[in-house]
Amino acid sequence: MFERTPVRKIEGWAFSEILIWLTIIIAVSSIGAKFVPVYLDHRMAVSIVEGLAQSAETAELEPNALKTIIERRFKLNNLHDFIKEKRIALESDSDRSAVRLQYEVRGDLAVNIDYVIAFDDTILLDD
């Protein structure tokens, strides 16, 4: 008599699922927007110093001249915080010279949650 129509399964996402995923994406994006620039600046600073370490003329420079060159290259790459906050330290022994990047970056993550990212790299210049 009456034919039974098959029940169709409804496909798709519920509104609450969309809101949950949207909240997760926004949270991860906001954390990334705070952390990624810090790591990119540090990576740029290390690559600048490593580039100087590979240069042959670096071994012949006085420490003040070397620091001036490093600061100039940091300014060219918009790394003014490294100079202003004195994140660069030149260490020289009788036979070795090194540049040390040791510092912390602090900031606000959310309402009352702060973050601290610590870096400590030593690049030898006489290799």
PDB file of N, CA and C in Angstrom:
ATOM      1  N   MET A   1       0.789  -1.174   0.000  1.00  0.00           N
ATOM      2  CA  MET A   1       0.000   0.000   0.000  1.00  0.00           C
ATOM      3  C   MET A   1       0.851   1.266   0.000  1.00  0.00           C
ATOM      4  N   PHE A   2       1.236   1.618   1.175  1.00  0.00           N
ATOM      5  CA  PHE A   2       2.096   2.784   1.237  1.00  0.00           C
ATOM      6  C   PHE A   2       3.544   2.337   1.173  1.00  0.00           C
ATOM      7  N   GLU A   3       4.241   2.972   0.313  1.00  0.00           N
ATOM      8  CA  GLU A   3       5.667   2.663   0.263  1.00  0.00           C
ATOM      9  C   GLU A   3       6.417   3.561   1.211  1.00  0.00           C
ATOM     10  N   ARG A   4       7.309   2.975   1.834  1.00  0.00           N
ATOM     11  CA  ARG A   4       8.114   3.718   2.792  1.00  0.00           C
ATOM     12  C   ARG A   4       9.274   4.381   2.060  1.00  0.00           C
ATOM     13  N   THR A   5       9.402   5.680   2.248  1.00  0.00           N
ATOM     14  CA  THR A   5      10.527   6.382   1.624  1.00  0.00           C
ATOM     15  C   THR A   5      11.729   6.260   2.551  1.00  0.00           C
ATOM     16  N   PRO A   6      12.877   6.026   1.972  1.00  0.00           N
ATOM     17  CA  PRO A   6      14.069   5.886   2.821  1.00  0.00           C
ATOM     18  C   PRO A   6      14.400   7.220   3.503  1.00  0.00           C
ATOM     19  N   VAL A   7      14.852   7.097   4.706  1.00  0.00           N
ATOM     20  CA  VAL A   7      15.242   8.283   5.472  1.00  0.00           C
ATOM     21  C   VAL A   7      16.611   8.734   4.979  1.00  0.00           C
ATOM     22  N   ARG A   8      16.665   9.984   4.610  1.00  0.00           N
ATOM     23  CA  ARG A   8      17.940  10.535   4.149  1.00  0.00           C
ATOM     24  C   ARG A   8      18.750  10.999   5.343  1.00  0.00           C
ATOM     25  N   LYS A   9      19.989  10.679   5.298  1.00  0.00           N
ATOM     26  CA  LYS A   9      20.880  11.135   6.356  1.00  0.00           C
ATOM     27  C   LYS A   9      21.300  12.560   6.034  1.00  0.00           C
ATOM     28  N   ILE A  10      21.138  13.429   6.999  1.00  0.00           N
ATOM     29  CA  ILE A  10      21.500  14.831   6.792  1.00  0.00           C
ATOM     30  C   ILE A  10      22.998  14.968   6.970  1.00  0.00           C
ATOM     31  N   GLU A  11      23.636  15.523   5.965  1.00  0.00           N
ATOM     32  CA  GLU A  11      25.074  15.701   6.018  1.00  0.00           C
ATOM     33  C   GLU A  11      25.400  17.171   6.222  1.00  0.00           C
ATOM     34  N   GLY A  12      26.542  17.401   6.825  1.00  0.00           N
ATOM     35  CA  GLY A  12      26.972  18.769   7.052  1.00  0.00           C
ATOM     36  C   GLY A  12      27.354  18.983   8.502  1.00  0.00           C
ATOM     37  N   TRP A  13      27.619  20.208   8.813  1.00  0.00           N
ATOM     38  CA  TRP A  13      28.051  20.544  10.153  1.00  0.00           C
ATOM     39  C   TRP A  13      26.952  21.307  10.873  1.00  0.00           C
ATOM     40  N   ALA A  14      26.877  21.043  12.141  1.00  0.00           N
ATOM     41  CA  ALA A  14      25.936  21.789  12.972  1.00  0.00           C
ATOM     42  C   ALA A  14      26.559  23.151  13.293  1.00  0.00           C
ATOM     43  N   PHE A  15      25.726  24.092  13.616  1.00  0.00           N
ATOM     44  CA  PHE A  15      26.198  25.443  13.930  1.00  0.00           C
ATOM     45  C   PHE A  15      27.167  25.429  15.108  1.00  0.00           C
ATOM     46  N   SER A  16      26.907  24.600  16.110  1.00  0.00           N
ATOM     47  CA  SER A  16      27.794  24.540  17.282  1.00  0.00           C
ATOM     48  C   SER A  16      29.165  23.984  16.900  1.00  0.00           C
ATOM     49  N   GLU A  17      29.210  23.028  15.980  1.00  0.00           N
ATOM     50  CA  GLU A  17      30.497  22.503  15.523  1.00  0.00           C
ATOM     51  C   GLU A  17      31.301  23.579  14.805  1.00  0.00           C
ATOM     52  N   ILE A  18      30.635  24.363  14.001  1.00  0.00           N
ATOM     53  CA  ILE A  18      31.303  25.457  13.296  1.00  0.00           C
ATOM     54  C   ILE A  18      31.867  26.458  14.291  1.00  0.00           C
ATOM     55  N   LEU A  19      31.106  26.797  15.317  1.00  0.00           N
ATOM     56  CA  LEU A  19      31.577  27.746  16.326  1.00  0.00           C
ATOM     57  C   LEU A  19      32.771  27.209  17.102  1.00  0.00           C
ATOM     58  N   ILE A  20      32.749  25.926  17.427  1.00  0.00           N
ATOM     59  CA  ILE A  20      33.880  25.326  18.149  1.00  0.00           C
ATOM     60  C   ILE A  20      35.142  25.380  17.304  1.00  0.00           C
ATOM     61  N   TRP A  21      35.040  24.978  16.041  1.00  0.00           N
ATOM     62  CA  TRP A  21      36.215  25.007  15.165  1.00  0.00           C
ATOM     63  C   TRP A  21      36.691  26.432  14.917  1.00  0.00           C
ATOM     64  N   LEU A  22      35.785  27.351  14.776  1.00  0.00           N
ATOM     65  CA  LEU A  22      36.155  28.746  14.575  1.00  0.00           C
ATOM     66  C   LEU A  22      36.888  29.294  15.794  1.00  0.00           C
ATOM     67  N   THR A  23      36.439  28.942  16.980  1.00  0.00           N
ATOM     68  CA  THR A  23      37.111  29.373  18.210  1.00  0.00           C
ATOM     69  C   THR A  23      38.517  28.799  18.296  1.00  0.00           C
ATOM     70  N   ILE A  24      38.672  27.535  17.948  1.00  0.00           N
ATOM     71  CA  ILE A  24      40.001  26.908  17.970  1.00  0.00           C
ATOM     72  C   ILE A  24      40.932  27.572  16.972  1.00  0.00           C
ATOM     73  N   ILE A  25      40.449  27.843  15.784  1.00  0.00           N
ATOM     74  CA  ILE A  25      41.274  28.478  14.746  1.00  0.00           C
ATOM     75  C   ILE A  25      41.686  29.886  15.172  1.00  0.00           C
ATOM     76  N   ILE A  26      40.781  30.631  15.747  1.00  0.00           N
ATOM     77  CA  ILE A  26      41.100  31.992  16.195  1.00  0.00           C
ATOM     78  C   ILE A  26      42.117  31.957  17.332  1.00  0.00           C
ATOM     79  N   ALA A  27      41.987  31.021  18.260  1.00  0.00           N
ATOM     80  CA  ALA A  27      42.924  30.919  19.383  1.00  0.00           C
ATOM     81  C   ALA A  27      44.326  30.568  18.890  1.00  0.00           C
ATOM     82  N   VAL A  28      44.427  29.592  18.009  1.00  0.00           N
ATOM     83  CA  VAL A  28      45.736  29.203  17.475  1.00  0.00           C
ATOM     84  C   VAL A  28      46.341  30.335  16.651  1.00  0.00           C
ATOM     85  N   SER A  29      45.533  31.037  15.894  1.00  0.00           N
ATOM     86  CA  SER A  29      46.033  32.158  15.092  1.00  0.00           C
ATOM     87  C   SER A  29      46.540  33.299  15.960  1.00  0.00           C
ATOM     88  N   SER A  30      45.838  33.591  17.042  1.00  0.00           N
ATOM     89  CA  SER A  30      46.290  34.693  17.898  1.00  0.00           C
ATOM     90  C   SER A  30      47.574  34.331  18.629  1.00  0.00           C
ATOM     91  N   ILE A  31      47.723  33.084  19.036  1.00  0.00           N
ATOM     92  CA  ILE A  31      48.981  32.652  19.659  1.00  0.00           C
ATOM     93  C   ILE A  31      50.110  32.702  18.636  1.00  0.00           C
ATOM     94  N   GLY A  32      49.861  32.232  17.439  1.00  0.00           N
ATOM     95  CA  GLY A  32      50.866  32.275  16.381  1.00  0.00           C
ATOM     96  C   GLY A  32      51.272  33.687  16.018  1.00  0.00           C
ATOM     97  N   ALA A  33      50.317  34.613  16.054  1.00  0.00           N
ATOM     98  CA  ALA A  33      50.622  36.008  15.717  1.00  0.00           C
ATOM     99  C   ALA A  33      51.546  36.639  16.748  1.00  0.00           C
ATOM    100  N   LYS A  34      51.574  36.115  17.960  1.00  0.00           N
ATOM    101  CA  LYS A  34      52.471  36.653  18.984  1.00  0.00           C
ATOM    102  C   LYS A  34      53.817  35.945  18.987  1.00  0.00           C
ATOM    103  N   PHE A  35      53.859  34.640  18.732  1.00  0.00           N
ATOM    104  CA  PHE A  35      55.098  33.872  18.831  1.00  0.00           C
ATOM    105  C   PHE A  35      55.937  33.877  17.557  1.00  0.00           C
ATOM    106  N   VAL A  36      55.306  33.781  16.411  1.00  0.00           N
ATOM    107  CA  VAL A  36      56.048  33.645  15.149  1.00  0.00           C
ATOM    108  C   VAL A  36      56.978  34.829  14.882  1.00  0.00           C
ATOM    109  N   PRO A  37      56.563  36.095  15.054  1.00  0.00           N
ATOM    110  CA  PRO A  37      57.507  37.193  14.809  1.00  0.00           C
ATOM    111  C   PRO A  37      58.732  37.165  15.727  1.00  0.00           C
ATOM    112  N   VAL A  38      58.568  36.710  16.952  1.00  0.00           N
ATOM    113  CA  VAL A  38      59.699  36.623  17.886  1.00  0.00           C
ATOM    114  C   VAL A  38      60.723  35.614  17.362  1.00  0.00           C
ATOM    115  N   TYR A  39      60.249  34.457  16.936  1.00  0.00           N
ATOM    116  CA  TYR A  39      61.157  33.438  16.411  1.00  0.00           C
ATOM    117  C   TYR A  39      61.772  33.861  15.075  1.00  0.00           C
ATOM    118  N   LEU A  40      61.022  34.541  14.238  1.00  0.00           N
ATOM    119  CA  LEU A  40      61.576  35.009  12.966  1.00  0.00           C
ATOM    120  C   LEU A  40      62.666  36.057  13.180  1.00  0.00           C
ATOM    121  N   ASP A  41      62.455  36.976  14.126  1.00  0.00           N
ATOM    122  CA  ASP A  41      63.487  37.971  14.436  1.00  0.00           C
ATOM    123  C   ASP A  41      64.747  37.304  14.966  1.00  0.00           C
ATOM    124  N   HIS A  42      64.578  36.316  15.834  1.00  0.00           N
ATOM    125  CA  HIS A  42      65.745  35.619  16.377  1.00  0.00           C
ATOM    126  C   HIS A  42      66.487  34.872  15.279  1.00  0.00           C
ATOM    127  N   ARG A  43      65.743  34.208  14.420  1.00  0.00           N
ATOM    128  CA  ARG A  43      66.383  33.465  13.326  1.00  0.00           C
ATOM    129  C   ARG A  43      67.139  34.420  12.393  1.00  0.00           C
ATOM    130  N   MET A  44      66.569  35.603  12.151  1.00  0.00           N
ATOM    131  CA  MET A  44      67.245  36.593  11.316  1.00  0.00           C
ATOM    132  C   MET A  44      68.536  37.074  11.977  1.00  0.00           C
ATOM    133  N   ALA A  45      68.494  37.321  13.283  1.00  0.00           N
ATOM    134  CA  ALA A  45      69.681  37.775  14.004  1.00  0.00           C
ATOM    135  C   ALA A  45      70.786  36.718  13.963  1.00  0.00           C
ATOM    136  N   VAL A  46      70.416  35.468  14.169  1.00  0.00           N
ATOM    137  CA  VAL A  46      71.408  34.386  14.119  1.00  0.00           C
ATOM    138  C   VAL A  46      71.995  34.264  12.723  1.00  0.00           C
ATOM    139  N   SER A  47      71.182  34.394  11.694  1.00  0.00           N
ATOM    140  CA  SER A  47      71.699  34.264  10.325  1.00  0.00           C
ATOM    141  C   SER A  47      72.627  35.427   9.964  1.00  0.00           C
ATOM    142  N   ILE A  48      72.352  36.611  10.497  1.00  0.00           N
ATOM    143  CA  ILE A  48      73.246  37.753  10.255  1.00  0.00           C
ATOM    144  C   ILE A  48      74.615  37.491  10.873  1.00  0.00           C
ATOM    145  N   VAL A  49      74.616  37.031  12.119  1.00  0.00           N
ATOM    146  CA  VAL A  49      75.885  36.770  12.801  1.00  0.00           C
ATOM    147  C   VAL A  49      76.608  35.589  12.163  1.00  0.00           C
ATOM    148  N   GLU A  50      75.881  34.554  11.761  1.00  0.00           N
ATOM    149  CA  GLU A  50      76.522  33.425  11.087  1.00  0.00           C
ATOM    150  C   GLU A  50      77.119  33.841   9.748  1.00  0.00           C
ATOM    151  N   GLY A  51      76.456  34.766   9.057  1.00  0.00           N
ATOM    152  CA  GLY A  51      77.015  35.293   7.812  1.00  0.00           C
ATOM    153  C   GLY A  51      78.319  36.025   8.051  1.00  0.00           C
ATOM    154  N   LEU A  52      78.384  36.766   9.138  1.00  0.00           N
ATOM    155  CA  LEU A  52      79.640  37.433   9.492  1.00  0.00           C
ATOM    156  C   LEU A  52      80.716  36.427   9.880  1.00  0.00           C
ATOM    157  N   ALA A  53      80.325  35.356  10.550  1.00  0.00           N
ATOM    158  CA  ALA A  53      81.286  34.342  10.979  1.00  0.00           C
ATOM    159  C   ALA A  53      81.939  33.664   9.784  1.00  0.00           C
ATOM    160  N   GLN A  54      81.226  33.560   8.681  1.00  0.00           N
ATOM    161  CA  GLN A  54      81.768  32.912   7.485  1.00  0.00           C
ATOM    162  C   GLN A  54      82.634  33.853   6.657  1.00  0.00           C
ATOM    163  N   SER A  55      82.595  35.134   6.968  1.00  0.00           N
ATOM    164  CA  SER A  55      83.384  36.111   6.232  1.00  0.00           C
ATOM    165  C   SER A  55      84.835  36.054   6.691  1.00  0.00           C
ATOM    166  N   ALA A  56      85.742  36.139   5.757  1.00  0.00           N
ATOM    167  CA  ALA A  56      87.172  36.048   6.076  1.00  0.00           C
ATOM    168  C   ALA A  56      87.685  37.299   6.794  1.00  0.00           C
ATOM    169  N   GLU A  57      87.107  38.445   6.503  1.00  0.00           N
ATOM    170  CA  GLU A  57      87.601  39.684   7.095  1.00  0.00           C
ATOM    171  C   GLU A  57      87.172  39.884   8.545  1.00  0.00           C
ATOM    172  N   THR A  58      86.273  39.067   9.047  1.00  0.00           N
ATOM    173  CA  THR A  58      85.778  39.207  10.413  1.00  0.00           C
ATOM    174  C   THR A  58      86.877  38.970  11.437  1.00  0.00           C
ATOM    175  N   ALA A  59      87.753  38.042  11.172  1.00  0.00           N
ATOM    176  CA  ALA A  59      88.820  37.716  12.120  1.00  0.00           C
ATOM    177  C   ALA A  59      89.788  38.875  12.317  1.00  0.00           C
ATOM    178  N   GLU A  60      89.894  39.749  11.343  1.00  0.00           N
ATOM    179  CA  GLU A  60      90.842  40.858  11.409  1.00  0.00           C
ATOM    180  C   GLU A  60      90.267  42.104  12.068  1.00  0.00           C
ATOM    181  N   LEU A  61      88.967  42.139  12.337  1.00  0.00           N
ATOM    182  CA  LEU A  61      88.324  43.330  12.878  1.00  0.00           C
ATOM    183  C   LEU A  61      88.493  43.446  14.385  1.00  0.00           C
ATOM    184  N   GLU A  62      88.564  44.676  14.838  1.00  0.00           N
ATOM    185  CA  GLU A  62      88.559  44.957  16.274  1.00  0.00           C
ATOM    186  C   GLU A  62      87.141  44.726  16.805  1.00  0.00           C
ATOM    187  N   PRO A  63      87.007  44.444  18.108  1.00  0.00           N
ATOM    188  CA  PRO A  63      85.665  44.190  18.661  1.00  0.00           C
ATOM    189  C   PRO A  63      84.685  45.350  18.460  1.00  0.00           C
ATOM    190  N   ASN A  64      85.139  46.589  18.602  1.00  0.00           N
ATOM    191  CA  ASN A  64      84.241  47.737  18.407  1.00  0.00           C
ATOM    192  C   ASN A  64      83.771  47.841  16.961  1.00  0.00           C
ATOM    193  N   ALA A  65      84.661  47.603  16.024  1.00  0.00           N
ATOM    194  CA  ALA A  65      84.291  47.649  14.607  1.00  0.00           C
ATOM    195  C   ALA A  65      83.323  46.520  14.267  1.00  0.00           C
ATOM    196  N   LEU A  66      83.571  45.360  14.852  1.00  0.00           N
ATOM    197  CA  LEU A  66      82.688  44.225  14.622  1.00  0.00           C
ATOM    198  C   LEU A  66      81.290  44.503  15.181  1.00  0.00           C
ATOM    199  N   LYS A  67      81.231  45.076  16.367  1.00  0.00           N
ATOM    200  CA  LYS A  67      79.937  45.400  16.966  1.00  0.00           C
ATOM    201  C   LYS A  67      79.200  46.446  16.128  1.00  0.00           C
ATOM    202  N   THR A  68      79.925  47.406  15.586  1.00  0.00           N
ATOM    203  CA  THR A  68      79.312  48.421  14.723  1.00  0.00           C
ATOM    204  C   THR A  68      78.726  47.782  13.465  1.00  0.00           C
ATOM    205  N   ILE A  69      79.448  46.850  12.877  1.00  0.00           N
ATOM    206  CA  ILE A  69      78.957  46.169  11.674  1.00  0.00           C
ATOM    207  C   ILE A  69      77.703  45.356  11.997  1.00  0.00           C
ATOM    208  N   ILE A  70      77.729  44.644  13.116  1.00  0.00           N
ATOM    209  CA  ILE A  70      76.564  43.848  13.506  1.00  0.00           C
ATOM    210  C   ILE A  70      75.360  44.748  13.744  1.00  0.00           C
ATOM    211  N   GLU A  71      75.550  45.853  14.458  1.00  0.00           N
ATOM    212  CA  GLU A  71      74.445  46.776  14.730  1.00  0.00           C
ATOM    213  C   GLU A  71      73.897  47.375  13.442  1.00  0.00           C
ATOM    214  N   ARG A  72      74.774  47.704  12.510  1.00  0.00           N
ATOM    215  CA  ARG A  72      74.329  48.263  11.232  1.00  0.00           C
ATOM    216  C   ARG A  72      73.490  47.246  10.463  1.00  0.00           C
ATOM    217  N   ARG A  73      73.920  45.997  10.455  1.00  0.00           N
ATOM    218  CA  ARG A  73      73.157  44.963   9.745  1.00  0.00           C
ATOM    219  C   ARG A  73      71.823  44.687  10.439  1.00  0.00           C
ATOM    220  N   PHE A  74      71.809  44.760  11.762  1.00  0.00           N
ATOM    221  CA  PHE A  74      70.552  44.586  12.482  1.00  0.00           C
ATOM    222  C   PHE A  74      69.592  45.723  12.165  1.00  0.00           C
ATOM    223  N   LYS A  75      70.101  46.939  12.085  1.00  0.00           N
ATOM    224  CA  LYS A  75      69.238  48.078  11.741  1.00  0.00           C
ATOM    225  C   LYS A  75      68.681  47.929  10.331  1.00  0.00           C
ATOM    226  N   LEU A  76      69.508  47.448   9.407  1.00  0.00           N
ATOM    227  CA  LEU A  76      69.043  47.240   8.029  1.00  0.00           C
ATOM    228  C   LEU A  76      67.910  46.219   7.965  1.00  0.00           C
ATOM    229  N   ASN A  77      67.936  45.257   8.867  1.00  0.00           N
ATOM    230  CA  ASN A  77      66.917  44.208   8.877  1.00  0.00           C
ATOM    231  C   ASN A  77      65.814  44.475   9.894  1.00  0.00           C
ATOM    232  N   ASN A  78      65.740  45.723  10.366  1.00  0.00           N
ATOM    233  CA  ASN A  78      64.677  46.168  11.273  1.00  0.00           C
ATOM    234  C   ASN A  78      64.662  45.388  12.589  1.00  0.00           C
ATOM    235  N   LEU A  79      65.844  45.115  13.122  1.00  0.00           N
ATOM    236  CA  LEU A  79      65.990  44.436  14.408  1.00  0.00           C
ATOM    237  C   LEU A  79      66.473  45.441  15.452  1.00  0.00           C
ATOM    238  N   HIS A  80      65.751  46.527  15.592  1.00  0.00           N
ATOM    239  CA  HIS A  80      66.153  47.605  16.490  1.00  0.00           C
ATOM    240  C   HIS A  80      66.129  47.189  17.955  1.00  0.00           C
ATOM    241  N   ASP A  81      65.239  46.257  18.323  1.00  0.00           N
ATOM    242  CA  ASP A  81      65.155  45.812  19.718  1.00  0.00           C
ATOM    243  C   ASP A  81      66.438  45.134  20.181  1.00  0.00           C
ATOM    244  N   PHE A  82      67.144  44.482  19.281  1.00  0.00           N
ATOM    245  CA  PHE A  82      68.386  43.815  19.651  1.00  0.00           C
ATOM    246  C   PHE A  82      69.439  44.832  20.080  1.00  0.00           C
ATOM    247  N   ILE A  83      69.438  45.980  19.451  1.00  0.00           N
ATOM    248  CA  ILE A  83      70.403  47.027  19.787  1.00  0.00           C
ATOM    249  C   ILE A  83      69.948  47.773  21.025  1.00  0.00           C
ATOM    250  N   LYS A  84      68.682  48.153  21.053  1.00  0.00           N
ATOM    251  CA  LYS A  84      68.152  48.952  22.153  1.00  0.00           C
ATOM    252  C   LYS A  84      68.223  48.205  23.479  1.00  0.00           C
ATOM    253  N   GLU A  85      67.906  46.928  23.468  1.00  0.00           N
ATOM    254  CA  GLU A  85      67.889  46.137  24.699  1.00  0.00           C
ATOM    255  C   GLU A  85      69.202  45.413  24.956  1.00  0.00           C
ATOM    256  N   LYS A  86      70.222  45.693  24.155  1.00  0.00           N
ATOM    257  CA  LYS A  86      71.568  45.117  24.317  1.00  0.00           C
ATOM    258  C   LYS A  86      71.537  43.596  24.397  1.00  0.00           C
ATOM    259  N   ARG A  87      70.968  43.005  23.365  1.00  0.00           N
ATOM    260  CA  ARG A  87      70.870  41.547  23.293  1.00  0.00           C
ATOM    261  C   ARG A  87      72.118  40.922  22.688  1.00  0.00           C
ATOM    262  N   ILE A  88      73.049  41.743  22.239  1.00  0.00           N
ATOM    263  CA  ILE A  88      74.266  41.271  21.588  1.00  0.00           C
ATOM    264  C   ILE A  88      75.424  41.423  22.564  1.00  0.00           C
ATOM    265  N   ALA A  89      76.208  40.363  22.731  1.00  0.00           N
ATOM    266  CA  ALA A  89      77.404  40.440  23.567  1.00  0.00           C
ATOM    267  C   ALA A  89      78.567  39.830  22.805  1.00  0.00           C
ATOM    268  N   LEU A  90      79.648  40.571  22.706  1.00  0.00           N
ATOM    269  CA  LEU A  90      80.861  40.059  22.068  1.00  0.00           C
ATOM    270  C   LEU A  90      81.755  39.476  23.149  1.00  0.00           C
ATOM    271  N   GLU A  91      82.148  38.252  22.958  1.00  0.00           N
ATOM    272  CA  GLU A  91      83.040  37.576  23.896  1.00  0.00           C
ATOM    273  C   GLU A  91      84.305  37.212  23.137  1.00  0.00           C
ATOM    274  N   SER A  92      85.440  37.618  23.650  1.00  0.00           N
ATOM    275  CA  SER A  92      86.681  37.278  22.967  1.00  0.00           C
ATOM    276  C   SER A  92      87.729  36.848  23.978  1.00  0.00           C
ATOM    277  N   ASP A  93      88.324  35.707  23.693  1.00  0.00           N
ATOM    278  CA  ASP A  93      89.463  35.212  24.445  1.00  0.00           C
ATOM    279  C   ASP A  93      90.712  35.541  23.649  1.00  0.00           C
ATOM    280  N   SER A  94      91.804  34.992  24.065  1.00  0.00           N
ATOM    281  CA  SER A  94      93.041  35.254  23.336  1.00  0.00           C
ATOM    282  C   SER A  94      93.038  34.618  21.950  1.00  0.00           C
ATOM    283  N   ASP A  95      92.341  33.505  21.805  1.00  0.00           N
ATOM    284  CA  ASP A  95      92.367  32.819  20.509  1.00  0.00           C
ATOM    285  C   ASP A  95      90.999  32.684  19.841  1.00  0.00           C
ATOM    286  N   ARG A  96      89.909  33.027  20.543  1.00  0.00           N
ATOM    287  CA  ARG A  96      88.573  32.856  19.960  1.00  0.00           C
ATOM    288  C   ARG A  96      87.714  34.081  20.199  1.00  0.00           C
ATOM    289  N   SER A  97      86.862  34.369  19.233  1.00  0.00           N
ATOM    290  CA  SER A  97      85.855  35.420  19.376  1.00  0.00           C
ATOM    291  C   SER A  97      84.487  34.788  19.140  1.00  0.00           C
ATOM    292  N   ALA A  98      83.511  35.291  19.876  1.00  0.00           N
ATOM    293  CA  ALA A  98      82.159  34.753  19.741  1.00  0.00           C
ATOM    294  C   ALA A  98      81.156  35.872  19.955  1.00  0.00           C
ATOM    295  N   VAL A  99      80.006  35.703  19.343  1.00  0.00           N
ATOM    296  CA  VAL A  99      78.877  36.613  19.560  1.00  0.00           C
ATOM    297  C   VAL A  99      77.817  35.804  20.288  1.00  0.00           C
ATOM    298  N   ARG A 100      77.335  36.376  21.382  1.00  0.00           N
ATOM    299  CA  ARG A 100      76.326  35.678  22.173  1.00  0.00           C
ATOM    300  C   ARG A 100      75.022  36.449  22.120  1.00  0.00           C
ATOM    301  N   LEU A 101      73.983  35.748  21.759  1.00  0.00           N
ATOM    302  CA  LEU A 101      72.624  36.289  21.762  1.00  0.00           C
ATOM    303  C   LEU A 101      71.880  35.592  22.894  1.00  0.00           C
ATOM    304  N   GLN A 102      71.808  36.266  24.030  1.00  0.00           N
ATOM    305  CA  GLN A 102      71.135  35.701  25.194  1.00  0.00           C
ATOM    306  C   GLN A 102      70.136  36.732  25.695  1.00  0.00           C
ATOM    307  N   TYR A 103      68.857  36.382  25.623  1.00  0.00           N
ATOM    308  CA  TYR A 103      67.824  37.326  26.019  1.00  0.00           C
ATOM    309  C   TYR A 103      66.492  36.613  26.195  1.00  0.00           C
ATOM    310  N   GLU A 104      65.548  37.334  26.759  1.00  0.00           N
ATOM    311  CA  GLU A 104      64.186  36.851  26.930  1.00  0.00           C
ATOM    312  C   GLU A 104      63.228  37.831  26.280  1.00  0.00           C
ATOM    313  N   VAL A 105      62.151  37.307  25.760  1.00  0.00           N
ATOM    314  CA  VAL A 105      61.076  38.140  25.232  1.00  0.00           C
ATOM    315  C   VAL A 105      59.841  37.831  26.075  1.00  0.00           C
ATOM    316  N   ARG A 106      59.260  38.869  26.639  1.00  0.00           N
ATOM    317  CA  ARG A 106      58.072  38.714  27.476  1.00  0.00           C
ATOM    318  C   ARG A 106      56.921  39.476  26.852  1.00  0.00           C
ATOM    319  N   GLY A 107      55.735  38.953  27.039  1.00  0.00           N
ATOM    320  CA  GLY A 107      54.559  39.627  26.498  1.00  0.00           C
ATOM    321  C   GLY A 107      53.278  39.095  27.108  1.00  0.00           C
ATOM    322  N   ASP A 108      52.186  39.739  26.763  1.00  0.00           N
ATOM    323  CA  ASP A 108      50.864  39.328  27.229  1.00  0.00           C
ATOM    324  C   ASP A 108      50.242  38.401  26.200  1.00  0.00           C
ATOM    325  N   LEU A 109      49.794  37.246  26.660  1.00  0.00           N
ATOM    326  CA  LEU A 109      49.142  36.301  25.766  1.00  0.00           C
ATOM    327  C   LEU A 109      47.633  36.507  25.768  1.00  0.00           C
ATOM    328  N   ALA A 110      47.079  36.594  26.944  1.00  0.00           N
ATOM    329  CA  ALA A 110      45.645  36.810  27.096  1.00  0.00           C
ATOM    330  C   ALA A 110      45.446  37.702  28.319  1.00  0.00           C
ATOM    331  N   VAL A 111      44.282  37.706  28.835  1.00  0.00           N
ATOM    332  CA  VAL A 111      43.895  38.631  29.907  1.00  0.00           C
ATOM    333  C   VAL A 111      44.929  38.682  31.023  1.00  0.00           C
ATOM    334  N   ASN A 112      45.175  37.583  31.693  1.00  0.00           N
ATOM    335  CA  ASN A 112      46.158  37.570  32.771  1.00  0.00           C
ATOM    336  C   ASN A 112      47.194  36.468  32.576  1.00  0.00           C
ATOM    337  N   ILE A 113      47.433  36.095  31.344  1.00  0.00           N
ATOM    338  CA  ILE A 113      48.423  35.069  31.008  1.00  0.00           C
ATOM    339  C   ILE A 113      49.553  35.731  30.239  1.00  0.00           C
ATOM    340  N   ASP A 114      50.771  35.588  30.751  1.00  0.00           N
ATOM    341  CA  ASP A 114      51.954  36.135  30.106  1.00  0.00           C
ATOM    342  C   ASP A 114      52.784  34.992  29.527  1.00  0.00           C
ATOM    343  N   TYR A 115      53.679  35.345  28.606  1.00  0.00           N
ATOM    344  CA  TYR A 115      54.596  34.344  28.072  1.00  0.00           C
ATOM    345  C   TYR A 115      56.018  34.868  28.163  1.00  0.00           C
ATOM    346  N   VAL A 116      56.952  33.930  28.279  1.00  0.00           N
ATOM    347  CA  VAL A 116      58.378  34.238  28.295  1.00  0.00           C
ATOM    348  C   VAL A 116      59.050  33.266  27.338  1.00  0.00           C
ATOM    349  N   ILE A 117      59.778  33.816  26.378  1.00  0.00           N
ATOM    350  CA  ILE A 117      60.539  32.992  25.441  1.00  0.00           C
ATOM    351  C   ILE A 117      62.009  33.353  25.648  1.00  0.00           C
ATOM    352  N   ALA A 118      62.828  32.374  25.975  1.00  0.00           N
ATOM    353  CA  ALA A 118      64.248  32.610  26.254  1.00  0.00           C
ATOM    354  C   ALA A 118      65.095  32.050  25.115  1.00  0.00           C
ATOM    355  N   PHE A 119      66.091  32.830  24.728  1.00  0.00           N
ATOM    356  CA  PHE A 119      67.034  32.426  23.681  1.00  0.00           C
ATOM    357  C   PHE A 119      68.447  32.510  24.242  1.00  0.00           C
ATOM    358  N   ASP A 120      69.296  31.591  23.825  1.00  0.00           N
ATOM    359  CA  ASP A 120      70.703  31.605  24.226  1.00  0.00           C
ATOM    360  C   ASP A 120      71.509  30.916  23.144  1.00  0.00           C
ATOM    361  N   ASP A 121      72.093  31.716  22.271  1.00  0.00           N
ATOM    362  CA  ASP A 121      72.909  31.181  21.174  1.00  0.00           C
ATOM    363  C   ASP A 121      74.291  31.824  21.215  1.00  0.00           C
ATOM    364  N   THR A 122      75.309  31.017  20.966  1.00  0.00           N
ATOM    365  CA  THR A 122      76.667  31.511  20.868  1.00  0.00           C
ATOM    366  C   THR A 122      77.195  31.096  19.505  1.00  0.00           C
ATOM    367  N   ILE A 123      77.649  32.088  18.748  1.00  0.00           N
ATOM    368  CA  ILE A 123      78.182  31.827  17.413  1.00  0.00           C
ATOM    369  C   ILE A 123      79.666  32.161  17.417  1.00  0.00           C
ATOM    370  N   LEU A 124      80.503  31.168  17.121  1.00  0.00           N
ATOM    371  CA  LEU A 124      81.938  31.389  17.080  1.00  0.00           C
ATOM    372  C   LEU A 124      82.314  32.069  15.766  1.00  0.00           C
ATOM    373  N   LEU A 125      83.173  33.062  15.851  1.00  0.00           N
ATOM    374  CA  LEU A 125      83.552  33.828  14.669  1.00  0.00           C
ATOM    375  C   LEU A 125      84.858  33.361  14.034  1.00  0.00           C
ATOM    376  N   ASP A 126      85.626  32.576  14.731  1.00  0.00           N
ATOM    377  CA  ASP A 126      86.949  32.186  14.234  1.00  0.00           C
ATOM    378  C   ASP A 126      86.998  30.801  13.622  1.00  0.00           C
ATOM    379  N   ASP A 127      85.854  30.268  13.273  1.00  0.00           N
ATOM    380  CA  ASP A 127      85.846  28.904  12.698  1.00  0.00           C
ATOM    381  C   ASP A 127      86.212  28.914  11.253  1.00  0.00           C
TER     382      ASP A 127
END
